[in-house]
Amino acid sequence: MTGKIQIKLLFLFTLLTLRANSQTDSLYPTWIKNESNFIYFEDASHLKNTTQKWGSKDRSFVILHIGDSHLQNENLPNQSRKLLQGIQGDAGIGLIVPFSTVKSYDARFYKSTHTGIWHYSKSYMGKFEYPMGVRGMTSFTDDSAATFNIAFAQKVSKANNELVVFRHAGDSIYDLSFMLDDKPAVLKYTDSTKVVFNVFGDFSNLTCKIQKSNSIQSSITITGIVLQDSLHRGGLWHNAGVGAAPYRMVLSEAYYEQEAKFLNPDLVIIDLGTNDFLYANRIETDLRNTIITVIEKVRGANPNADIILTDAQEMKYKGKRTDRKSTRLNSSHSSV
């Protein structure tokens, strides 16, 4: 029997909890159409993690939100993050990006700058020079004097006490150092895929400096950065949105599985599709197989996570509205 949960935003699940807890309705936008926004599922067990962990203060609940430009700028994800953490507790910001190093637009609540020479790969590109991870954007430099800075609009909370940098080890990889305003981050440990630092919340600027410690070191490839609570006490909303990305973005991320295993999400929202039909105003014949392969990759990395796919919305491109019928794979909902 197919279930249906009505919500008032496609992926703002925190609003559902506000109503369930009889909290204020003031956060509910009046312009959302209830009849057009709901979650379909075959059985309640398909949302097991969500139903068991939702609404428990200071209990770990991790969301990985994969999507395109409507996520990258953090307008909706950051509002979702705030609502989630108002209910679950604050477990940190999650994934962040020094966007200037990948020549892309910044998030709404932080801005980035850099010095030196940086190269990049992004998951919407047809050709990738550098491997990517779960964030879908990679920063590469062989400039030993390179730096980047992330300036937050407001001081980050004290819950952000751990900094994780995904990079892939080898004798030739540069070392990294970080400053939090005027305080240094303290190295916690390193392994073959990441460097982890203890940091002190309540800072506004995060500055990274490349360090060449020996003559062998020649470059570094950064595939993701995470700010989080080391004990995961609360809600954590990882934004993995990449502007212009189609569904195949996930398949191009060579380090997706190992990084997603570390993030260990309870819920993965796959919020893609617009860029698969927007420009040609049609569905390519192989898209269904692509979506299935993406789901299999996501499920392979996190077999216990709930997975929700959103329905791509009709849009306007160059003043013309997309054909709603052309954006549907078929008229029925099926289990994958």
Protein backbone atom coordinates (compact mmCIF):
# COMPACT_ATOMS: atom_id res chain seq x y z
CA MET A 1 0.00 0.00 0.00
CA THR A 2 1.42 3.33 -1.05
CA GLY A 3 1.74 5.86 1.74
CA LYS A 4 1.52 9.59 1.37
CA ILE A 5 2.84 12.20 3.77
CA GLN A 6 1.82 15.74 3.00
CA ILE A 7 4.44 18.43 3.41
CA LYS A 8 4.54 22.07 2.55
CA LEU A 9 7.98 22.16 1.00
CA LEU A 10 9.52 19.49 -1.15
CA PHE A 11 12.45 18.85 1.16
CA LEU A 12 11.89 21.00 4.27
CA PHE A 13 11.03 18.02 6.44
CA THR A 14 11.57 20.03 9.58
CA LEU A 15 8.30 21.82 8.96
CA LEU A 16 6.53 18.49 9.18
CA THR A 17 7.99 17.96 12.64
CA LEU A 18 6.97 21.43 13.77
CA ARG A 19 3.37 20.56 13.03
CA ALA A 20 3.68 17.10 14.57
CA ASN A 21 4.96 18.67 17.77
CA SER A 22 2.13 21.23 17.75
CA GLN A 23 4.60 24.07 17.50
CA THR A 24 3.94 27.37 15.82
CA ASP A 25 2.64 27.42 12.25
CA SER A 26 4.28 30.79 11.62
CA LEU A 27 7.12 29.11 9.70
CA TYR A 28 4.68 27.55 7.27
CA PRO A 29 4.69 29.50 3.97
CA THR A 30 1.12 30.19 2.92
CA TRP A 31 1.97 29.94 -0.77
CA ILE A 32 2.93 26.25 -0.70
CA LYS A 33 0.31 24.00 -2.32
CA ASN A 34 -0.36 21.02 -0.08
CA GLU A 35 -1.97 19.04 -2.87
CA SER A 36 1.16 19.23 -5.01
CA ASN A 37 3.83 18.38 -2.44
CA PHE A 38 4.00 15.02 -0.71
CA ILE A 39 6.24 12.01 -0.21
CA TYR A 40 5.29 8.66 -1.75
CA PHE A 41 6.61 5.40 -0.34
CA GLU A 42 5.66 1.74 -0.61
CA ASP A 43 5.98 0.88 3.07
CA ALA A 44 6.62 2.77 6.31
CA SER A 45 9.87 0.81 6.75
CA HIS A 46 11.30 2.74 3.79
CA LEU A 47 11.58 5.77 6.08
CA LYS A 48 12.71 3.80 9.14
CA ASN A 49 15.65 6.02 10.13
CA THR A 50 13.65 9.19 9.65
CA THR A 51 10.67 8.07 11.72
CA GLN A 52 12.82 6.61 14.52
CA LYS A 53 15.24 9.50 14.95
CA TRP A 54 13.15 12.51 13.99
CA GLY A 55 12.38 15.00 16.71
CA SER A 56 14.74 13.64 19.40
CA LYS A 57 16.72 16.52 20.88
CA ASP A 58 20.51 16.10 20.72
CA ARG A 59 20.22 12.74 18.97
CA SER A 60 22.27 12.38 15.80
CA PHE A 61 20.27 12.85 12.60
CA VAL A 62 22.33 13.36 9.44
CA ILE A 63 20.95 14.43 6.06
CA LEU A 64 22.94 14.38 2.82
CA HIS A 65 21.21 16.61 0.27
CA ILE A 66 22.41 16.11 -3.31
CA GLY A 67 21.25 18.58 -5.95
CA ASP A 68 22.03 21.44 -8.31
CA SER A 69 21.96 25.27 -8.30
CA HIS A 70 18.91 25.65 -6.05
CA LEU A 71 21.04 24.07 -3.32
CA GLN A 72 24.51 25.48 -3.99
CA ASN A 73 23.65 29.02 -2.90
CA GLU A 74 22.38 27.68 0.46
CA ASN A 75 19.15 29.70 0.40
CA LEU A 76 16.88 26.73 1.10
CA PRO A 77 19.37 24.25 2.63
CA ASN A 78 20.50 26.69 5.31
CA GLN A 79 16.92 27.48 6.29
CA SER A 80 16.28 23.74 6.47
CA ARG A 81 19.43 23.32 8.57
CA LYS A 82 18.29 25.97 11.05
CA LEU A 83 14.84 24.42 11.39
CA LEU A 84 16.28 20.93 11.77
CA GLN A 85 18.71 22.04 14.45
CA GLY A 86 16.00 23.93 16.29
CA ILE A 87 14.39 20.54 16.82
CA GLN A 88 17.27 18.05 16.91
CA GLY A 89 20.02 20.25 18.32
CA ASP A 90 23.07 21.75 16.60
CA ALA A 91 25.64 19.30 15.19
CA GLY A 92 27.39 21.85 12.98
CA ILE A 93 27.20 23.22 9.45
CA GLY A 94 28.28 20.16 7.49
CA LEU A 95 29.86 20.37 4.03
CA ILE A 96 31.32 23.72 2.97
CA VAL A 97 33.30 24.82 -0.09
CA PRO A 98 35.90 27.55 -0.78
CA PHE A 99 33.95 28.42 -3.93
CA SER A 100 36.46 30.95 -5.25
CA THR A 101 39.00 28.13 -5.75
CA VAL A 102 36.56 26.37 -8.10
CA LYS A 103 35.45 29.60 -9.82
CA SER A 104 31.85 29.44 -8.68
CA TYR A 105 29.34 31.58 -6.80
CA ASP A 106 29.35 31.66 -3.02
CA ALA A 107 26.85 30.46 -0.45
CA ARG A 108 24.42 32.93 1.06
CA PHE A 109 25.92 32.85 4.55
CA TYR A 110 29.64 32.70 3.73
CA LYS A 111 32.04 34.12 1.14
CA SER A 112 35.38 32.78 -0.04
CA THR A 113 38.60 34.27 -1.39
CA HIS A 114 41.95 32.75 -2.29
CA THR A 115 45.53 33.51 -3.20
CA GLY A 116 47.85 31.61 -5.50
CA ILE A 117 46.94 29.29 -8.35
CA TRP A 118 44.08 26.83 -8.00
CA HIS A 119 42.58 24.42 -10.53
CA TYR A 120 39.30 22.54 -10.24
CA SER A 121 36.79 19.97 -11.40
CA LYS A 122 33.01 20.26 -11.02
CA SER A 123 30.56 17.44 -11.51
CA TYR A 124 28.55 19.08 -14.30
CA MET A 125 31.62 19.24 -16.52
CA GLY A 126 31.96 16.76 -19.35
CA LYS A 127 35.66 16.20 -18.70
CA PHE A 128 37.24 15.87 -15.25
CA GLU A 129 40.93 16.49 -14.69
CA TYR A 130 40.79 15.94 -10.93
CA PRO A 131 38.83 13.26 -9.01
CA MET A 132 35.76 14.34 -7.07
CA GLY A 133 34.05 13.23 -3.90
CA VAL A 134 30.59 13.53 -2.38
CA ARG A 135 30.60 17.36 -2.62
CA GLY A 136 30.92 17.30 -6.41
CA MET A 137 33.62 19.99 -6.53
CA THR A 138 37.39 19.55 -6.25
CA SER A 139 40.09 22.14 -5.58
CA PHE A 140 43.63 21.34 -6.73
CA THR A 141 46.85 23.30 -6.32
CA ASP A 142 50.54 22.71 -6.91
CA ASP A 143 51.31 26.21 -5.60
CA SER A 144 53.01 25.84 -2.23
CA ALA A 145 52.12 29.44 -1.33
CA ALA A 146 48.37 29.08 -2.07
CA THR A 147 45.72 29.94 0.53
CA PHE A 148 41.97 30.28 0.82
CA ASN A 149 39.69 32.00 3.30
CA ILE A 150 36.03 31.42 4.14
CA ALA A 151 34.36 34.37 5.84
CA PHE A 152 31.03 33.64 7.56
CA ALA A 153 28.37 36.33 7.78
CA GLN A 154 27.88 35.45 11.45
CA LYS A 155 30.14 33.61 13.87
CA VAL A 156 29.69 29.87 13.57
CA SER A 157 28.32 28.10 16.62
CA LYS A 158 30.48 26.33 19.19
CA ALA A 159 29.03 23.05 17.96
CA ASN A 160 31.44 23.29 15.02
CA ASN A 161 34.34 21.82 16.97
CA GLU A 162 35.75 19.47 14.33
CA LEU A 163 37.11 20.25 10.86
CA VAL A 164 37.43 17.43 8.33
CA VAL A 165 39.26 17.85 5.02
CA PHE A 166 38.92 15.08 2.46
CA ARG A 167 42.14 14.61 0.53
CA HIS A 168 43.81 11.49 -0.70
CA ALA A 169 47.15 10.56 0.74
CA GLY A 170 50.54 10.05 -0.82
CA ASP A 171 54.09 11.11 -0.15
CA SER A 172 53.77 14.01 -2.60
CA ILE A 173 50.75 15.68 -0.94
CA TYR A 174 51.17 19.07 0.74
CA ASP A 175 50.30 19.53 4.39
CA LEU A 176 47.54 21.92 5.51
CA SER A 177 47.21 24.36 8.39
CA PHE A 178 44.09 26.30 9.43
CA MET A 179 43.46 29.46 11.43
CA LEU A 180 40.10 30.24 13.07
CA ASP A 181 40.26 34.02 13.29
CA ASP A 182 43.54 34.25 15.24
CA LYS A 183 43.49 30.73 16.74
CA PRO A 184 45.19 27.74 15.09
CA ALA A 185 43.29 24.52 14.47
CA VAL A 186 44.90 21.55 16.25
CA LEU A 187 45.68 18.46 14.21
CA LYS A 188 43.68 15.50 15.55
CA TYR A 189 44.61 12.72 13.14
CA THR A 190 45.23 11.89 9.49
CA ASP A 191 44.57 8.82 7.39
CA SER A 192 44.64 7.90 3.71
CA THR A 193 41.50 9.89 2.85
CA LYS A 194 41.27 12.83 5.23
CA VAL A 195 42.83 15.22 7.74
CA VAL A 196 40.87 15.97 10.93
CA PHE A 197 41.41 19.00 13.18
CA ASN A 198 40.05 20.07 16.53
CA VAL A 199 38.68 23.58 16.17
CA PHE A 200 37.01 26.09 18.45
CA GLY A 201 33.57 27.35 17.48
CA ASP A 202 32.50 30.97 17.69
CA PHE A 203 34.76 32.16 14.84
CA SER A 204 34.06 34.19 11.69
CA ASN A 205 37.01 33.38 9.43
CA LEU A 206 38.48 30.03 8.42
CA THR A 207 41.84 30.40 6.69
CA CYS A 208 43.78 27.58 5.07
CA LYS A 209 47.47 27.72 4.20
CA ILE A 210 49.37 25.21 2.13
CA GLN A 211 52.51 23.91 3.80
CA LYS A 212 55.37 22.22 1.96
CA SER A 213 57.22 20.20 4.57
CA ASN A 214 59.73 18.42 2.32
CA SER A 215 61.06 18.38 -1.23
CA ILE A 216 58.89 15.44 -2.26
CA GLN A 217 55.58 17.26 -1.69
CA SER A 218 54.25 18.83 -4.87
CA SER A 219 50.44 19.27 -4.80
CA ILE A 220 47.15 18.64 -2.98
CA THR A 221 43.65 17.74 -4.15
CA ILE A 222 40.80 18.72 -1.78
CA THR A 223 37.50 16.97 -2.49
CA GLY A 224 35.47 18.19 0.49
CA ILE A 225 35.47 20.09 3.78
CA VAL A 226 33.18 19.48 6.77
CA LEU A 227 32.49 21.50 9.92
CA GLN A 228 30.69 19.43 12.53
CA ASP A 229 30.25 18.49 16.15
CA SER A 230 32.70 15.68 16.87
CA LEU A 231 30.07 13.79 18.89
CA HIS A 232 27.22 14.39 16.39
CA ARG A 233 24.89 15.72 19.07
CA GLY A 234 21.97 16.91 16.97
CA GLY A 235 21.01 17.55 13.36
CA LEU A 236 23.54 17.84 10.54
CA TRP A 237 22.45 18.94 7.05
CA HIS A 238 25.14 18.35 4.41
CA ASN A 239 24.55 20.44 1.29
CA ALA A 240 26.05 18.77 -1.80
CA GLY A 241 24.47 21.07 -4.40
CA VAL A 242 26.39 21.85 -7.60
CA GLY A 243 25.05 24.46 -10.04
CA ALA A 244 24.13 23.02 -13.49
CA ALA A 245 24.60 19.42 -12.31
CA PRO A 246 22.54 16.61 -13.89
CA TYR A 247 21.82 13.18 -12.40
CA ARG A 248 25.05 11.74 -13.77
CA MET A 249 27.01 14.00 -11.38
CA VAL A 250 26.93 11.31 -8.71
CA LEU A 251 28.35 8.74 -11.11
CA SER A 252 31.34 10.99 -11.86
CA GLU A 253 32.35 11.24 -8.18
CA ALA A 254 35.14 8.69 -7.78
CA TYR A 255 35.41 9.13 -4.01
CA TYR A 256 31.67 9.33 -3.34
CA GLU A 257 31.40 5.96 -1.58
CA GLN A 258 34.25 6.36 0.89
CA GLU A 259 33.32 9.93 1.79
CA ALA A 260 29.60 9.17 2.08
CA LYS A 261 30.44 6.28 4.42
CA PHE A 262 32.28 8.73 6.67
CA LEU A 263 29.35 11.20 6.62
CA ASN A 264 27.03 8.27 7.49
CA PRO A 265 23.69 9.94 6.62
CA ASP A 266 20.38 8.69 7.99
CA LEU A 267 18.58 10.26 5.04
CA VAL A 268 19.82 10.98 1.51
CA ILE A 269 17.76 13.40 -0.57
CA ILE A 270 18.49 13.15 -4.30
CA ASP A 271 17.23 16.49 -5.56
CA LEU A 272 18.30 16.42 -9.22
CA GLY A 273 16.63 16.29 -12.62
CA THR A 274 16.11 19.88 -13.74
CA ASN A 275 19.32 20.02 -15.76
CA ASP A 276 18.47 16.72 -17.42
CA PHE A 277 15.50 18.19 -19.29
CA LEU A 278 15.72 21.99 -19.05
CA TYR A 279 17.78 22.83 -22.13
CA ALA A 280 16.32 20.38 -24.65
CA ASN A 281 12.86 20.23 -23.01
CA ARG A 282 12.80 16.44 -23.19
CA ILE A 283 13.74 13.34 -21.25
CA GLU A 284 16.64 11.38 -22.69
CA THR A 285 15.92 7.69 -23.20
CA ASP A 286 18.67 6.53 -20.82
CA LEU A 287 17.71 8.80 -17.90
CA ARG A 288 15.72 6.12 -16.07
CA ASN A 289 18.75 3.80 -16.09
CA THR A 290 20.96 6.67 -14.93
CA ILE A 291 18.66 7.37 -11.97
CA ILE A 292 18.59 3.69 -11.01
CA THR A 293 22.39 3.51 -11.16
CA VAL A 294 22.65 6.64 -8.98
CA ILE A 295 20.31 5.10 -6.39
CA GLU A 296 22.34 1.90 -6.40
CA LYS A 297 25.55 3.89 -5.82
CA VAL A 298 23.98 5.88 -2.97
CA ARG A 299 22.52 2.74 -1.40
CA GLY A 300 25.82 0.89 -1.78
CA ALA A 301 27.64 3.57 0.20
CA ASN A 302 24.99 3.86 2.93
CA PRO A 303 22.79 0.74 2.90
CA ASN A 304 20.88 1.74 6.05
CA ALA A 305 20.04 5.26 4.92
CA ASP A 306 16.56 6.28 3.81
CA ILE A 307 16.55 7.65 0.24
CA ILE A 308 14.08 10.21 -1.09
CA LEU A 309 13.95 11.45 -4.69
CA THR A 310 12.32 14.78 -5.44
CA ASP A 311 10.22 15.50 -8.52
CA ALA A 312 11.90 17.96 -10.89
CA GLN A 313 9.80 21.10 -11.24
CA GLU A 314 8.75 22.73 -14.48
CA MET A 315 10.70 25.92 -15.22
CA LYS A 316 11.30 28.63 -17.76
CA TYR A 317 14.40 28.60 -19.96
CA LYS A 318 15.06 31.59 -22.22
CA GLY A 319 11.53 32.79 -21.55
CA LYS A 320 9.87 29.51 -22.49
CA ARG A 321 8.20 27.21 -19.99
CA THR A 322 9.19 23.56 -20.04
CA ASP A 323 6.54 21.06 -21.08
CA ARG A 324 5.37 19.43 -17.85
CA LYS A 325 4.59 16.17 -19.61
CA SER A 326 8.09 15.97 -21.05
CA THR A 327 9.61 16.04 -17.54
CA ARG A 328 7.91 12.83 -16.45
CA LEU A 329 9.56 9.46 -16.93
CA ASN A 330 6.06 7.95 -16.84
CA SER A 331 2.74 8.60 -15.17
CA SER A 332 3.17 6.10 -12.35
CA HIS A 333 5.30 5.95 -9.22
CA SER A 334 7.42 2.83 -9.01
CA SER A 335 9.77 1.41 -6.40
CA VAL A 336 13.45 1.26 -7.33
